[in-house]
Amino acid sequence: QVQLVDTGGGLVQAGASLRLSCAASGRTFSTYAMGWFRQAPGKEREFVAVIIWSGGSTLYADSVKGRFTISRDNTKNTVYLQMNNLKPEDTAVYYCATRAAGGTSRALKGPGGYDYWGQGTQVTVSS
């Protein structure tokens, strides 16, 4: 079992920044990658970013490239999502997730392969 606690959301104005954190505990040694997804009201959960735990390779959704940065602190079993230049369309509940299995870039961007999920943190960006 892996427990994830994601924090850092809030209400900000367009152009502002936020940093989300996701702290993992439990059987974290089997983690291959940790990712961030988001879900806006009435929409499906969508991929935001993922980081490979060993090596630190990253992937981003096109909509956040150049604005968001995913990083990790291995010593703290924590992954971060630095979000800059936030836009109203970034408004959503953000979830972190872990997966033990590797995969193609396409697979890493799909929510189905992730084993554990955080409870979600609300990000609201006003115009």
Foldseek 3Di string as FASTA:
>chain_A
DKAKAKDWADEEAAQAKIKIKIFIDDPCVLFQKKFKWWDDPPDDIWGAKMFGPPPTDMDGDPVQPPFWDWDDDVVRNMIMIIGGRDDQVVWTWMKMFTANDDDDPVVVGDPPRTDDMHPTDTHGYHD
